[in-house]
Amino acid sequence: MPVPEKFLMRGLLHGFYWFDEGLHKSLAAGGWPQLSRTQSMVMINLIDGIRRPSDLARAIGVSRQAIQRTLMEMERDGLVHLVPDPEDGRAKIVEASTDGKGINATALRTIVLMEAELERRLGKKAVSELRKALYADWGPVVLAARTAGSPGPSANRPQRSRWRKSNL
């Protein structure tokens, strides 16, 4: 099946990259340390109020082990603190440190400026409509139905027999 030249997910991803690259360049120009994409996603999610490591992992799309490793690096670098969760003594939550709050403040100012630049380039109405569409309730995620003649991946793979000790 040919891939459409302008499908929506591709455009959303390119838009995300545009903002992320601008954000990283702005932070570097402001003297802040270089963040990995996962670290910048943690900071954005903290702004959104997501503070439990398991929720951060789910939101970002990484494993719990990967988020723990990232959070340990960020804590070592002085960007976040892991503190006891007041609602669950067995769990930890993530808080931005003083430097982390500074990065967030710089990031928010940068995003406002980037949105203004986007309005200049695309027009105020286009950006307003984009914001409206992105913040609309899209409903629950659904599994797209297979089209006729699209049997799925298992039809392309040879069938394997189950190997059991009893087959010996």
N, C-alpha and C. Protein backbone atom coordinates (compact mmCIF):
# COMPACT_ATOMS: atom_id res chain seq x y z
N MET A 1 0.84 -1.18 0.00
CA MET A 1 0.00 0.00 0.00
C MET A 1 0.89 1.25 0.00
N PRO A 2 0.69 2.15 -0.91
CA PRO A 2 1.51 3.37 -0.94
C PRO A 2 1.19 4.25 0.27
N VAL A 3 2.22 4.87 0.81
CA VAL A 3 2.06 5.75 1.97
C VAL A 3 1.66 7.13 1.47
N PRO A 4 0.56 7.69 2.01
CA PRO A 4 0.18 9.04 1.59
C PRO A 4 1.29 10.03 1.93
N GLU A 5 1.48 11.00 1.07
CA GLU A 5 2.55 11.97 1.28
C GLU A 5 2.31 12.83 2.52
N LYS A 6 1.06 13.13 2.81
CA LYS A 6 0.75 14.04 3.91
C LYS A 6 -0.27 13.42 4.87
N PHE A 7 0.11 12.35 5.55
CA PHE A 7 -0.82 11.82 6.54
C PHE A 7 -0.60 12.52 7.87
N LEU A 8 -1.66 12.61 8.65
CA LEU A 8 -1.70 13.45 9.84
C LEU A 8 -0.63 13.10 10.87
N MET A 9 -0.41 11.83 11.16
CA MET A 9 0.57 11.46 12.19
C MET A 9 1.96 11.96 11.83
N ARG A 10 2.30 11.88 10.56
CA ARG A 10 3.60 12.36 10.12
C ARG A 10 3.73 13.86 10.35
N GLY A 11 2.67 14.62 10.06
CA GLY A 11 2.68 16.06 10.29
C GLY A 11 2.79 16.40 11.76
N LEU A 12 2.05 15.65 12.61
CA LEU A 12 2.14 15.88 14.05
C LEU A 12 3.56 15.63 14.56
N LEU A 13 4.17 14.57 14.07
CA LEU A 13 5.52 14.24 14.49
C LEU A 13 6.51 15.31 14.04
N HIS A 14 6.39 15.78 12.80
CA HIS A 14 7.29 16.84 12.32
C HIS A 14 7.10 18.13 13.12
N GLY A 15 5.85 18.43 13.48
CA GLY A 15 5.58 19.59 14.33
C GLY A 15 6.22 19.45 15.69
N PHE A 16 6.12 18.25 16.26
CA PHE A 16 6.76 17.99 17.55
C PHE A 16 8.27 18.18 17.44
N TYR A 17 8.88 17.65 16.38
CA TYR A 17 10.33 17.79 16.20
C TYR A 17 10.72 19.27 16.07
N TRP A 18 9.90 20.06 15.37
CA TRP A 18 10.19 21.49 15.19
C TRP A 18 10.24 22.18 16.54
N PHE A 19 9.21 21.92 17.37
CA PHE A 19 9.18 22.52 18.70
C PHE A 19 10.32 21.99 19.57
N ASP A 20 10.54 20.69 19.55
CA ASP A 20 11.57 20.10 20.40
C ASP A 20 12.96 20.62 20.05
N GLU A 21 13.26 20.71 18.76
CA GLU A 21 14.58 21.22 18.35
C GLU A 21 14.74 22.68 18.74
N GLY A 22 13.71 23.48 18.54
CA GLY A 22 13.77 24.89 18.94
C GLY A 22 13.94 25.04 20.43
N LEU A 23 13.25 24.20 21.18
CA LEU A 23 13.35 24.23 22.63
C LEU A 23 14.77 23.88 23.08
N HIS A 24 15.33 22.82 22.51
CA HIS A 24 16.69 22.41 22.88
C HIS A 24 17.72 23.49 22.53
N LYS A 25 17.57 24.11 21.37
CA LYS A 25 18.50 25.17 20.98
C LYS A 25 18.38 26.37 21.91
N SER A 26 17.16 26.70 22.29
CA SER A 26 16.95 27.84 23.18
C SER A 26 17.52 27.58 24.57
N LEU A 27 17.32 26.37 25.08
CA LEU A 27 17.88 26.03 26.39
C LEU A 27 19.40 26.09 26.36
N ALA A 28 20.00 25.57 25.29
CA ALA A 28 21.46 25.61 25.16
C ALA A 28 21.95 27.06 25.09
N ALA A 29 21.25 27.90 24.35
CA ALA A 29 21.64 29.31 24.23
C ALA A 29 21.51 30.02 25.58
N GLY A 30 20.60 29.54 26.42
CA GLY A 30 20.43 30.14 27.75
C GLY A 30 21.38 29.59 28.79
N GLY A 31 22.29 28.69 28.35
CA GLY A 31 23.28 28.14 29.27
C GLY A 31 22.84 26.91 30.05
N TRP A 32 21.68 26.38 29.73
CA TRP A 32 21.20 25.19 30.42
C TRP A 32 21.88 23.95 29.84
N PRO A 33 22.01 22.89 30.63
CA PRO A 33 22.64 21.66 30.12
C PRO A 33 21.77 21.00 29.04
N GLN A 34 22.43 20.28 28.17
CA GLN A 34 21.74 19.54 27.11
C GLN A 34 20.89 18.44 27.73
N LEU A 35 19.62 18.40 27.38
CA LEU A 35 18.73 17.34 27.84
C LEU A 35 18.50 16.35 26.72
N SER A 36 18.33 15.09 27.08
CA SER A 36 17.91 14.10 26.08
C SER A 36 16.44 14.34 25.79
N ARG A 37 15.93 13.77 24.72
CA ARG A 37 14.52 13.93 24.39
C ARG A 37 13.65 13.37 25.51
N THR A 38 14.05 12.23 26.10
CA THR A 38 13.28 11.65 27.19
C THR A 38 13.27 12.59 28.38
N GLN A 39 14.40 13.20 28.69
CA GLN A 39 14.45 14.14 29.81
C GLN A 39 13.56 15.35 29.55
N SER A 40 13.57 15.87 28.33
CA SER A 40 12.70 17.02 28.04
C SER A 40 11.23 16.61 28.11
N MET A 41 10.93 15.38 27.72
CA MET A 41 9.55 14.89 27.83
C MET A 41 9.14 14.75 29.30
N VAL A 42 10.07 14.33 30.15
CA VAL A 42 9.78 14.27 31.60
C VAL A 42 9.43 15.67 32.08
N MET A 43 10.23 16.67 31.72
CA MET A 43 9.99 18.03 32.18
C MET A 43 8.64 18.56 31.70
N ILE A 44 8.28 18.28 30.46
CA ILE A 44 6.98 18.72 29.93
C ILE A 44 5.84 18.04 30.68
N ASN A 45 6.00 16.75 30.96
CA ASN A 45 4.96 16.03 31.67
C ASN A 45 4.84 16.49 33.12
N LEU A 46 5.95 16.91 33.74
CA LEU A 46 5.88 17.47 35.09
C LEU A 46 5.04 18.76 35.07
N ILE A 47 5.22 19.57 34.04
CA ILE A 47 4.42 20.79 33.90
C ILE A 47 2.94 20.42 33.79
N ASP A 48 2.65 19.29 33.13
CA ASP A 48 1.26 18.82 33.00
C ASP A 48 0.73 18.17 34.27
N GLY A 49 1.57 18.04 35.30
CA GLY A 49 1.13 17.47 36.56
C GLY A 49 1.31 15.98 36.70
N ILE A 50 1.99 15.34 35.77
CA ILE A 50 2.26 13.91 35.85
C ILE A 50 3.53 13.74 36.68
N ARG A 51 3.43 13.09 37.83
CA ARG A 51 4.55 13.08 38.77
C ARG A 51 4.99 11.69 39.19
N ARG A 52 4.18 10.66 39.01
CA ARG A 52 4.59 9.31 39.39
C ARG A 52 5.43 8.71 38.28
N PRO A 53 6.55 8.06 38.62
CA PRO A 53 7.40 7.47 37.59
C PRO A 53 6.64 6.52 36.65
N SER A 54 5.75 5.69 37.17
CA SER A 54 5.02 4.76 36.30
C SER A 54 4.12 5.52 35.32
N ASP A 55 3.52 6.62 35.78
CA ASP A 55 2.67 7.43 34.89
C ASP A 55 3.52 8.16 33.84
N LEU A 56 4.72 8.61 34.26
CA LEU A 56 5.63 9.24 33.30
C LEU A 56 6.05 8.25 32.22
N ALA A 57 6.39 7.03 32.64
CA ALA A 57 6.80 6.00 31.68
C ALA A 57 5.68 5.75 30.67
N ARG A 58 4.45 5.61 31.16
CA ARG A 58 3.30 5.35 30.29
C ARG A 58 3.07 6.51 29.33
N ALA A 59 3.13 7.75 29.85
CA ALA A 59 2.88 8.93 29.02
C ALA A 59 3.93 9.10 27.93
N ILE A 60 5.19 8.81 28.27
CA ILE A 60 6.29 9.01 27.33
C ILE A 60 6.46 7.82 26.40
N GLY A 61 6.01 6.64 26.85
CA GLY A 61 6.12 5.45 26.01
C GLY A 61 7.43 4.71 26.18
N VAL A 62 7.93 4.71 27.42
CA VAL A 62 9.15 3.96 27.71
C VAL A 62 8.87 3.00 28.86
N SER A 63 9.78 2.08 29.08
CA SER A 63 9.60 1.11 30.16
C SER A 63 9.81 1.79 31.52
N ARG A 64 9.34 1.13 32.57
CA ARG A 64 9.56 1.65 33.92
C ARG A 64 11.05 1.70 34.24
N GLN A 65 11.79 0.69 33.75
CA GLN A 65 13.23 0.67 33.98
C GLN A 65 13.90 1.87 33.31
N ALA A 66 13.47 2.17 32.09
CA ALA A 66 14.06 3.30 31.35
C ALA A 66 13.75 4.62 32.05
N ILE A 67 12.54 4.77 32.56
CA ILE A 67 12.20 6.03 33.24
C ILE A 67 12.95 6.14 34.55
N GLN A 68 13.13 5.02 35.25
CA GLN A 68 13.90 5.06 36.50
C GLN A 68 15.35 5.49 36.22
N ARG A 69 15.93 4.95 35.16
CA ARG A 69 17.30 5.31 34.78
C ARG A 69 17.37 6.80 34.43
N THR A 70 16.39 7.28 33.67
CA THR A 70 16.35 8.69 33.28
C THR A 70 16.20 9.58 34.51
N LEU A 71 15.31 9.19 35.42
CA LEU A 71 15.08 10.00 36.62
C LEU A 71 16.32 10.02 37.52
N MET A 72 17.03 8.90 37.60
CA MET A 72 18.27 8.86 38.39
C MET A 72 19.30 9.81 37.80
N GLU A 73 19.41 9.84 36.46
CA GLU A 73 20.34 10.76 35.79
C GLU A 73 19.93 12.21 36.06
N MET A 74 18.63 12.47 35.97
CA MET A 74 18.14 13.84 36.17
C MET A 74 18.31 14.28 37.62
N GLU A 75 18.17 13.35 38.56
CA GLU A 75 18.38 13.68 39.96
C GLU A 75 19.87 13.94 40.21
N ARG A 76 20.72 13.12 39.62
CA ARG A 76 22.17 13.32 39.74
C ARG A 76 22.58 14.68 39.18
N ASP A 77 21.93 15.10 38.08
CA ASP A 77 22.25 16.38 37.44
C ASP A 77 21.55 17.56 38.11
N GLY A 78 20.78 17.30 39.17
CA GLY A 78 20.13 18.37 39.91
C GLY A 78 18.89 18.95 39.27
N LEU A 79 18.24 18.19 38.39
CA LEU A 79 17.04 18.70 37.70
C LEU A 79 15.74 18.33 38.41
N VAL A 80 15.74 17.19 39.10
CA VAL A 80 14.53 16.72 39.80
C VAL A 80 14.92 16.14 41.15
N HIS A 81 13.91 15.96 41.98
CA HIS A 81 14.04 15.25 43.24
C HIS A 81 12.98 14.16 43.25
N LEU A 82 13.35 12.98 43.73
CA LEU A 82 12.37 11.92 43.98
C LEU A 82 12.04 11.98 45.46
N VAL A 83 10.78 12.21 45.76
CA VAL A 83 10.34 12.37 47.15
C VAL A 83 9.22 11.38 47.43
N PRO A 84 9.00 11.06 48.72
CA PRO A 84 7.90 10.14 49.06
C PRO A 84 6.55 10.69 48.60
N ASP A 85 5.73 9.82 48.08
CA ASP A 85 4.38 10.18 47.64
C ASP A 85 3.51 10.31 48.89
N PRO A 86 2.92 11.48 49.14
CA PRO A 86 2.11 11.65 50.34
C PRO A 86 0.85 10.77 50.35
N GLU A 87 0.43 10.30 49.17
CA GLU A 87 -0.76 9.46 49.08
C GLU A 87 -0.43 7.97 49.17
N ASP A 88 0.84 7.61 48.98
CA ASP A 88 1.25 6.20 49.01
C ASP A 88 2.69 6.15 49.49
N GLY A 89 2.88 5.80 50.75
CA GLY A 89 4.20 5.79 51.35
C GLY A 89 5.20 4.87 50.69
N ARG A 90 4.71 3.89 49.92
CA ARG A 90 5.62 2.96 49.24
C ARG A 90 6.15 3.54 47.93
N ALA A 91 5.51 4.57 47.42
CA ALA A 91 5.85 5.11 46.11
C ALA A 91 6.60 6.43 46.23
N LYS A 92 7.21 6.83 45.12
CA LYS A 92 7.90 8.11 45.01
C LYS A 92 7.18 8.95 43.96
N ILE A 93 7.32 10.25 44.09
CA ILE A 93 6.87 11.16 43.05
C ILE A 93 8.05 12.04 42.65
N VAL A 94 7.93 12.66 41.49
CA VAL A 94 9.01 13.48 40.95
C VAL A 94 8.64 14.95 41.10
N GLU A 95 9.58 15.72 41.60
CA GLU A 95 9.43 17.17 41.70
C GLU A 95 10.60 17.83 41.00
N ALA A 96 10.32 18.91 40.30
CA ALA A 96 11.40 19.68 39.68
C ALA A 96 12.21 20.36 40.78
N SER A 97 13.53 20.33 40.65
CA SER A 97 14.41 21.04 41.57
C SER A 97 14.41 22.52 41.21
N THR A 98 15.21 23.30 41.91
CA THR A 98 15.32 24.73 41.58
C THR A 98 15.80 24.89 40.14
N ASP A 99 16.85 24.13 39.74
CA ASP A 99 17.32 24.20 38.35
C ASP A 99 16.25 23.68 37.39
N GLY A 100 15.57 22.62 37.79
CA GLY A 100 14.50 22.08 36.95
C GLY A 100 13.39 23.10 36.73
N LYS A 101 13.05 23.83 37.78
CA LYS A 101 12.03 24.89 37.65
C LYS A 101 12.54 26.01 36.75
N GLY A 102 13.84 26.28 36.82
CA GLY A 102 14.43 27.29 35.94
C GLY A 102 14.36 26.86 34.48
N ILE A 103 14.67 25.60 34.23
CA ILE A 103 14.56 25.08 32.86
C ILE A 103 13.12 25.16 32.39
N ASN A 104 12.18 24.76 33.26
CA ASN A 104 10.77 24.81 32.88
C ASN A 104 10.32 26.23 32.56
N ALA A 105 10.76 27.20 33.36
CA ALA A 105 10.39 28.60 33.10
C ALA A 105 10.95 29.06 31.76
N THR A 106 12.21 28.72 31.50
CA THR A 106 12.83 29.06 30.22
C THR A 106 12.10 28.36 29.07
N ALA A 107 11.75 27.09 29.28
CA ALA A 107 11.05 26.33 28.25
C ALA A 107 9.69 26.94 27.95
N LEU A 108 8.95 27.33 28.98
CA LEU A 108 7.63 27.93 28.76
C LEU A 108 7.73 29.24 28.00
N ARG A 109 8.72 30.08 28.36
CA ARG A 109 8.92 31.33 27.61
C ARG A 109 9.26 31.03 26.16
N THR A 110 10.10 30.02 25.95
CA THR A 110 10.50 29.64 24.59
C THR A 110 9.30 29.16 23.79
N ILE A 111 8.47 28.34 24.40
CA ILE A 111 7.29 27.81 23.70
C ILE A 111 6.35 28.94 23.30
N VAL A 112 6.16 29.92 24.20
CA VAL A 112 5.31 31.07 23.86
C VAL A 112 5.88 31.81 22.65
N LEU A 113 7.21 32.02 22.64
CA LEU A 113 7.84 32.70 21.51
C LEU A 113 7.74 31.87 20.23
N MET A 114 7.90 30.55 20.36
CA MET A 114 7.80 29.69 19.17
C MET A 114 6.38 29.68 18.62
N GLU A 115 5.38 29.69 19.51
CA GLU A 115 4.00 29.75 19.04
C GLU A 115 3.73 31.07 18.34
N ALA A 116 4.29 32.17 18.85
CA ALA A 116 4.14 33.47 18.19
C ALA A 116 4.79 33.44 16.81
N GLU A 117 5.95 32.80 16.71
CA GLU A 117 6.63 32.68 15.40
C GLU A 117 5.79 31.83 14.45
N LEU A 118 5.20 30.77 14.98
CA LEU A 118 4.35 29.92 14.15
C LEU A 118 3.14 30.71 13.65
N GLU A 119 2.57 31.56 14.50
CA GLU A 119 1.45 32.42 14.07
C GLU A 119 1.90 33.38 12.97
N ARG A 120 3.11 33.89 13.11
CA ARG A 120 3.64 34.80 12.08
C ARG A 120 3.78 34.07 10.75
N ARG A 121 4.25 32.82 10.82
CA ARG A 121 4.51 32.07 9.60
C ARG A 121 3.24 31.48 8.97
N LEU A 122 2.34 30.96 9.81
CA LEU A 122 1.16 30.26 9.29
C LEU A 122 -0.12 31.08 9.37
N GLY A 123 -0.11 32.09 10.19
CA GLY A 123 -1.31 32.90 10.41
C GLY A 123 -1.96 32.56 11.73
N LYS A 124 -2.52 33.59 12.35
CA LYS A 124 -3.13 33.44 13.68
C LYS A 124 -4.31 32.46 13.62
N LYS A 125 -5.11 32.54 12.56
CA LYS A 125 -6.28 31.68 12.44
C LYS A 125 -5.87 30.21 12.32
N ALA A 126 -4.84 29.93 11.53
CA ALA A 126 -4.40 28.54 11.35
C ALA A 126 -3.91 27.95 12.66
N VAL A 127 -3.15 28.72 13.43
CA VAL A 127 -2.63 28.22 14.71
C VAL A 127 -3.77 28.05 15.71
N SER A 128 -4.73 28.97 15.69
CA SER A 128 -5.89 28.86 16.57
C SER A 128 -6.70 27.60 16.25
N GLU A 129 -6.90 27.32 14.97
CA GLU A 129 -7.64 26.12 14.56
C GLU A 129 -6.85 24.85 14.91
N LEU A 130 -5.54 24.90 14.76
CA LEU A 130 -4.70 23.76 15.13
C LEU A 130 -4.81 23.49 16.63
N ARG A 131 -4.70 24.53 17.44
CA ARG A 131 -4.83 24.38 18.90
C ARG A 131 -6.20 23.80 19.26
N LYS A 132 -7.23 24.32 18.64
CA LYS A 132 -8.60 23.84 18.90
C LYS A 132 -8.72 22.35 18.56
N ALA A 133 -8.18 21.94 17.43
CA ALA A 133 -8.26 20.53 17.01
C ALA A 133 -7.44 19.63 17.93
N LEU A 134 -6.26 20.08 18.33
CA LEU A 134 -5.40 19.26 19.18
C LEU A 134 -5.95 19.10 20.58
N TYR A 135 -6.67 20.10 21.09
CA TYR A 135 -7.21 20.04 22.44
C TYR A 135 -8.66 19.54 22.48
N ALA A 136 -9.22 19.21 21.34
CA ALA A 136 -10.58 18.65 21.31
C ALA A 136 -10.56 17.24 21.88
N ASP A 137 -11.69 16.78 22.35
CA ASP A 137 -11.80 15.42 22.85
C ASP A 137 -11.88 14.48 21.65
N TRP A 138 -10.85 13.71 21.45
CA TRP A 138 -10.79 12.78 20.32
C TRP A 138 -11.47 11.45 20.64
N GLY A 139 -11.89 11.26 21.87
CA GLY A 139 -12.52 10.00 22.27
C GLY A 139 -11.48 8.94 22.54
N PRO A 140 -11.95 7.74 22.89
CA PRO A 140 -11.00 6.66 23.20
C PRO A 140 -10.25 6.19 21.95
N VAL A 141 -9.08 5.65 22.18
CA VAL A 141 -8.29 5.07 21.09
C VAL A 141 -9.01 3.83 20.59
N VAL A 142 -9.09 3.69 19.29
CA VAL A 142 -9.76 2.53 18.71
C VAL A 142 -8.80 1.78 17.82
N LEU A 143 -9.03 0.49 17.70
CA LEU A 143 -8.26 -0.34 16.80
C LEU A 143 -8.89 -0.21 15.42
N ALA A 144 -8.09 0.22 14.46
CA ALA A 144 -8.60 0.37 13.10
C ALA A 144 -8.94 -1.00 12.53
N ALA A 145 -10.09 -1.08 11.88
CA ALA A 145 -10.50 -2.34 11.27
C ALA A 145 -9.60 -2.64 10.08
N ARG A 146 -9.29 -3.92 9.90
CA ARG A 146 -8.49 -4.31 8.73
C ARG A 146 -9.34 -4.18 7.48
N THR A 147 -8.70 -3.74 6.44
CA THR A 147 -9.42 -3.63 5.18
C THR A 147 -9.43 -4.98 4.49
N ALA A 148 -10.36 -5.16 3.60
CA ALA A 148 -10.44 -6.41 2.86
C ALA A 148 -9.13 -6.65 2.13
N GLY A 149 -8.64 -7.87 2.19
CA GLY A 149 -7.39 -8.21 1.50
C GLY A 149 -6.16 -7.88 2.32
N SER A 150 -6.33 -7.44 3.54
CA SER A 150 -5.19 -7.14 4.41
C SER A 150 -5.23 -8.11 5.58
N PRO A 151 -4.65 -9.28 5.41
CA PRO A 151 -4.80 -10.33 6.42
C PRO A 151 -3.99 -10.12 7.69
N GLY A 152 -3.06 -9.21 7.73
CA GLY A 152 -2.26 -9.01 8.93
C GLY A 152 -0.93 -9.73 8.84
N PRO A 153 -0.08 -9.53 9.81
CA PRO A 153 1.28 -10.06 9.73
C PRO A 153 1.38 -11.58 9.78
N SER A 154 0.47 -12.26 10.46
CA SER A 154 0.61 -13.71 10.60
C SER A 154 0.47 -14.44 9.27
N ALA A 155 -0.24 -13.87 8.33
CA ALA A 155 -0.40 -14.54 7.04
C ALA A 155 0.89 -14.52 6.24
N ASN A 156 1.78 -13.60 6.51
CA ASN A 156 3.04 -13.50 5.77
C ASN A 156 4.15 -14.34 6.38
N ARG A 157 3.93 -14.83 7.58
CA ARG A 157 4.95 -15.62 8.27
C ARG A 157 4.63 -17.09 8.15
N PRO A 158 5.67 -17.90 7.99
CA PRO A 158 5.41 -19.33 8.01
C PRO A 158 4.95 -19.75 9.40
N GLN A 159 4.06 -20.68 9.46
CA GLN A 159 3.57 -21.17 10.75
C GLN A 159 4.63 -22.03 11.41
N ARG A 160 4.82 -21.84 12.70
CA ARG A 160 5.77 -22.64 13.46
C ARG A 160 5.00 -23.61 14.32
N SER A 161 5.55 -24.79 14.42
CA SER A 161 4.91 -25.73 15.32
C SER A 161 5.42 -25.47 16.72
N ARG A 162 4.62 -25.77 17.71
CA ARG A 162 5.02 -25.62 19.11
C ARG A 162 5.94 -26.77 19.47
N TRP A 163 7.06 -26.44 20.04
CA TRP A 163 8.02 -27.46 20.43
C TRP A 163 7.77 -27.82 21.89
N ARG A 164 7.60 -29.07 22.15
CA ARG A 164 7.39 -29.53 23.53
C ARG A 164 8.31 -30.71 23.79
N LYS A 165 8.67 -30.85 25.05
CA LYS A 165 9.52 -31.99 25.42
C LYS A 165 8.83 -33.29 25.09
N SER A 166 7.51 -33.29 25.12
CA SER A 166 6.79 -34.53 24.83
C SER A 166 6.93 -34.94 23.37
N ASN A 167 7.39 -34.01 22.52
CA ASN A 167 7.58 -34.34 21.10
C ASN A 167 8.85 -35.14 20.88
N LEU A 168 9.70 -35.26 21.91
CA LEU A 168 10.97 -35.99 21.74
C LEU A 168 10.74 -37.43 21.61
